[in-house]
N, C-alpha and C. Protein backbone atom coordinates (compact mmCIF):
# COMPACT_ATOMS: atom_id res chain seq x y z
N MET A 1 177.29 360.97 276.32
CA MET A 1 176.61 361.33 277.53
C MET A 1 175.11 361.45 277.24
N ASN A 2 174.30 360.81 278.07
CA ASN A 2 172.85 360.86 277.91
C ASN A 2 172.28 362.00 278.75
N PRO A 3 171.46 362.83 278.15
CA PRO A 3 170.86 363.91 278.94
C PRO A 3 169.80 363.35 279.89
N ILE A 4 169.65 363.99 281.03
CA ILE A 4 168.64 363.61 282.01
C ILE A 4 167.35 364.33 281.63
N VAL A 5 166.31 363.57 281.43
CA VAL A 5 165.03 364.16 281.05
C VAL A 5 163.98 363.83 282.10
N THR A 6 163.08 364.72 282.29
CA THR A 6 162.00 364.45 283.24
C THR A 6 160.89 363.67 282.55
N VAL A 7 160.10 363.04 283.32
CA VAL A 7 158.97 362.29 282.78
C VAL A 7 157.67 363.04 283.00
N GLN A 8 157.77 364.34 283.17
CA GLN A 8 156.58 365.15 283.45
C GLN A 8 155.52 364.98 282.36
N GLU A 9 155.93 364.99 281.10
CA GLU A 9 154.95 364.84 280.03
C GLU A 9 154.27 363.48 280.07
N ALA A 10 155.03 362.46 280.35
CA ALA A 10 154.44 361.12 280.41
C ALA A 10 153.48 360.99 281.58
N VAL A 11 153.79 361.65 282.68
CA VAL A 11 152.95 361.55 283.87
C VAL A 11 151.66 362.35 283.69
N THR A 12 151.77 363.55 283.15
CA THR A 12 150.60 364.41 283.04
C THR A 12 149.87 364.28 281.72
N ALA A 13 150.35 363.43 280.84
CA ALA A 13 149.71 363.30 279.53
C ALA A 13 148.28 362.80 279.65
N PHE A 14 148.01 361.99 280.66
CA PHE A 14 146.67 361.43 280.82
C PHE A 14 145.92 362.05 281.98
N ALA A 15 146.29 363.23 282.40
CA ALA A 15 145.66 363.87 283.55
C ALA A 15 144.17 364.08 283.33
N ASP A 16 143.76 364.42 282.12
CA ASP A 16 142.33 364.62 281.87
C ASP A 16 141.55 363.32 281.99
N TRP A 17 142.19 362.23 281.76
CA TRP A 17 141.52 360.93 281.79
C TRP A 17 141.39 360.40 283.22
N ILE A 18 142.16 360.95 284.13
CA ILE A 18 142.18 360.44 285.49
C ILE A 18 141.03 361.00 286.33
N GLU A 19 140.49 362.13 285.93
CA GLU A 19 139.41 362.75 286.69
C GLU A 19 138.19 361.84 286.76
N PRO A 20 137.50 361.83 287.91
CA PRO A 20 136.29 360.99 288.01
C PRO A 20 135.17 361.54 287.13
N THR A 21 134.37 360.64 286.65
CA THR A 21 133.23 361.05 285.83
C THR A 21 132.10 361.54 286.72
N ASP A 22 131.10 362.15 286.11
CA ASP A 22 129.94 362.60 286.87
C ASP A 22 129.22 361.43 287.54
N ALA A 23 129.15 360.29 286.86
CA ALA A 23 128.50 359.11 287.43
C ALA A 23 129.25 358.61 288.66
N GLU A 24 130.59 358.63 288.60
CA GLU A 24 131.39 358.20 289.76
C GLU A 24 131.22 359.17 290.92
N LEU A 25 131.17 360.45 290.64
CA LEU A 25 130.96 361.43 291.70
C LEU A 25 129.57 361.29 292.33
N ASN A 26 128.57 361.00 291.51
CA ASN A 26 127.22 360.79 292.04
C ASN A 26 127.17 359.54 292.90
N ALA A 27 127.87 358.49 292.50
CA ALA A 27 127.91 357.26 293.30
C ALA A 27 128.58 357.51 294.65
N ILE A 28 129.64 358.30 294.65
CA ILE A 28 130.31 358.64 295.91
C ILE A 28 129.38 359.45 296.80
N GLU A 29 128.66 360.38 296.19
CA GLU A 29 127.72 361.21 296.95
C GLU A 29 126.63 360.35 297.59
N LEU A 30 126.14 359.34 296.87
CA LEU A 30 125.13 358.45 297.43
C LEU A 30 125.68 357.62 298.58
N GLU A 31 126.94 357.26 298.50
CA GLU A 31 127.57 356.42 299.53
C GLU A 31 128.12 357.23 300.69
N MET A 32 128.08 358.54 300.61
CA MET A 32 128.70 359.38 301.64
C MET A 32 128.16 359.13 303.05
N PRO A 33 126.84 358.94 303.28
CA PRO A 33 126.40 358.64 304.65
C PRO A 33 127.04 357.37 305.22
N ALA A 34 127.18 356.34 304.39
CA ALA A 34 127.82 355.10 304.85
C ALA A 34 129.31 355.33 305.12
N ILE A 35 129.96 356.11 304.29
CA ILE A 35 131.38 356.40 304.48
C ILE A 35 131.59 357.17 305.78
N LEU A 36 130.77 358.17 306.02
CA LEU A 36 130.91 358.97 307.24
C LEU A 36 130.59 358.14 308.49
N ALA A 37 129.62 357.23 308.39
CA ALA A 37 129.32 356.35 309.52
C ALA A 37 130.50 355.43 309.81
N ASP A 38 131.15 354.93 308.77
CA ASP A 38 132.35 354.10 308.96
C ASP A 38 133.47 354.89 309.63
N VAL A 39 133.62 356.14 309.24
CA VAL A 39 134.66 356.99 309.84
C VAL A 39 134.36 357.21 311.32
N ASP A 40 133.09 357.45 311.66
CA ASP A 40 132.72 357.63 313.07
C ASP A 40 133.01 356.38 313.88
N LEU A 41 132.71 355.21 313.31
CA LEU A 41 132.99 353.96 314.01
C LEU A 41 134.49 353.78 314.22
N LEU A 42 135.27 354.06 313.20
CA LEU A 42 136.73 353.95 313.34
C LEU A 42 137.26 354.92 314.39
N ASP A 43 136.73 356.13 314.42
CA ASP A 43 137.15 357.09 315.44
C ASP A 43 136.85 356.57 316.83
N ALA A 44 135.66 356.01 317.01
CA ALA A 44 135.29 355.47 318.32
C ALA A 44 136.18 354.31 318.72
N GLN A 45 136.55 353.48 317.75
CA GLN A 45 137.42 352.34 318.05
C GLN A 45 138.86 352.78 318.30
N ILE A 46 139.32 353.78 317.57
CA ILE A 46 140.70 354.27 317.76
C ILE A 46 140.89 354.86 319.14
N ILE A 47 139.86 355.51 319.65
CA ILE A 47 139.94 356.12 320.98
C ILE A 47 140.27 355.06 322.03
N THR A 48 139.78 353.85 321.85
CA THR A 48 139.95 352.82 322.87
C THR A 48 141.18 351.94 322.66
N LEU A 49 142.01 352.26 321.68
CA LEU A 49 143.17 351.40 321.41
C LEU A 49 144.19 351.38 322.54
N ASP A 50 144.40 352.50 323.18
CA ASP A 50 145.47 352.57 324.17
C ASP A 50 144.97 352.53 325.61
N ARG A 51 143.73 352.16 325.79
CA ARG A 51 143.20 352.08 327.15
C ARG A 51 142.06 351.08 327.20
N THR A 52 141.67 350.72 328.40
CA THR A 52 140.52 349.85 328.58
C THR A 52 139.26 350.67 328.32
N PRO A 53 138.38 350.18 327.45
CA PRO A 53 137.17 350.96 327.14
C PRO A 53 136.28 351.13 328.37
N THR A 54 135.82 352.34 328.56
CA THR A 54 134.87 352.62 329.64
C THR A 54 133.47 352.31 329.13
N GLU A 55 132.49 352.42 330.01
CA GLU A 55 131.11 352.20 329.60
C GLU A 55 130.70 353.23 328.55
N LEU A 56 131.16 354.46 328.68
CA LEU A 56 130.87 355.49 327.69
C LEU A 56 131.48 355.14 326.33
N ASP A 57 132.71 354.64 326.34
CA ASP A 57 133.36 354.21 325.09
C ASP A 57 132.59 353.09 324.42
N GLN A 58 132.15 352.13 325.23
CA GLN A 58 131.39 351.00 324.67
C GLN A 58 130.08 351.47 324.07
N ARG A 59 129.41 352.40 324.72
CA ARG A 59 128.16 352.95 324.17
C ARG A 59 128.42 353.71 322.88
N ARG A 60 129.51 354.47 322.86
CA ARG A 60 129.86 355.22 321.65
C ARG A 60 130.12 354.28 320.48
N ILE A 61 130.81 353.17 320.74
CA ILE A 61 131.09 352.19 319.68
C ILE A 61 129.80 351.52 319.22
N ARG A 62 128.93 351.15 320.16
CA ARG A 62 127.65 350.53 319.78
C ARG A 62 126.80 351.47 318.94
N ARG A 63 126.72 352.74 319.35
CA ARG A 63 125.94 353.72 318.58
C ARG A 63 126.52 353.90 317.17
N ALA A 64 127.85 353.99 317.10
CA ALA A 64 128.49 354.16 315.80
C ALA A 64 128.26 352.92 314.93
N HIS A 65 128.30 351.75 315.54
CA HIS A 65 128.07 350.51 314.79
C HIS A 65 126.64 350.47 314.26
N ARG A 66 125.68 350.89 315.09
CA ARG A 66 124.29 350.93 314.63
C ARG A 66 124.12 351.92 313.48
N ARG A 67 124.82 353.06 313.55
CA ARG A 67 124.74 354.04 312.45
C ARG A 67 125.31 353.45 311.16
N VAL A 68 126.40 352.68 311.28
CA VAL A 68 126.98 352.03 310.09
C VAL A 68 125.98 351.06 309.49
N LEU A 69 125.37 350.23 310.32
CA LEU A 69 124.40 349.25 309.82
C LEU A 69 123.21 349.94 309.17
N THR A 70 122.73 351.01 309.80
CA THR A 70 121.60 351.76 309.24
C THR A 70 121.96 352.37 307.90
N ALA A 71 123.11 352.99 307.81
CA ALA A 71 123.53 353.63 306.56
C ALA A 71 123.72 352.60 305.46
N ARG A 72 124.30 351.45 305.80
CA ARG A 72 124.50 350.41 304.78
C ARG A 72 123.16 349.81 304.33
N ARG A 73 122.23 349.65 305.29
CA ARG A 73 120.92 349.12 304.94
C ARG A 73 120.20 350.07 303.99
N GLU A 74 120.23 351.37 304.32
CA GLU A 74 119.57 352.35 303.45
C GLU A 74 120.22 352.38 302.07
N LEU A 75 121.53 352.25 302.02
CA LEU A 75 122.22 352.23 300.73
C LEU A 75 121.83 350.99 299.93
N ALA A 76 121.76 349.85 300.59
CA ALA A 76 121.37 348.61 299.91
C ALA A 76 119.93 348.68 299.43
N ASN A 77 119.05 349.24 300.25
CA ASN A 77 117.65 349.37 299.86
C ASN A 77 117.51 350.31 298.67
N ARG A 78 118.27 351.40 298.67
CA ARG A 78 118.23 352.34 297.56
C ARG A 78 118.71 351.67 296.28
N ALA A 79 119.75 350.85 296.39
CA ALA A 79 120.27 350.15 295.22
C ALA A 79 119.26 349.12 294.72
N ALA A 80 118.59 348.44 295.64
CA ALA A 80 117.59 347.43 295.24
C ALA A 80 116.41 348.10 294.55
N VAL A 81 115.97 349.24 295.05
CA VAL A 81 114.86 349.96 294.43
C VAL A 81 115.27 350.44 293.05
N ALA A 82 116.49 350.93 292.92
CA ALA A 82 116.98 351.40 291.63
C ALA A 82 117.06 350.26 290.62
N ASP A 83 117.45 349.07 291.08
CA ASP A 83 117.54 347.92 290.18
C ASP A 83 116.16 347.49 289.70
N THR A 84 115.18 347.47 290.60
CA THR A 84 113.84 347.02 290.22
C THR A 84 113.08 348.11 289.47
N ALA A 85 113.43 349.37 289.69
CA ALA A 85 112.74 350.46 289.02
C ALA A 85 113.08 350.48 287.53
N GLY A 86 114.24 349.97 287.18
CA GLY A 86 114.64 349.97 285.79
C GLY A 86 114.00 348.87 284.98
N GLY A 87 113.20 348.01 285.58
CA GLY A 87 112.54 346.83 285.04
C GLY A 87 112.38 346.74 283.53
N ALA A 88 111.76 345.70 283.11
CA ALA A 88 111.55 345.42 281.68
C ALA A 88 110.54 346.40 281.10
N ALA A 89 110.75 346.76 279.86
CA ALA A 89 109.82 347.69 279.23
C ALA A 89 108.85 346.96 278.33
């Protein structure tokens, strides 16, 4: 008869390695405005799934879409500045 063993040790053996690094957390923090803008756009779109969008719904979606574009543009500009700031020494 084979004993039943849990795999708890195998699963949690690498738990310390799974945690995000400080660099990954900083990258997420930098991207947070774009992430939140995407969430707002999705919320505005989800509201209109089960009904015909009203003029207010359409304005809400357009505003949310503009916020997404603005946040992504600022993120891209920040990344471009960071790339060029590291230039040749």
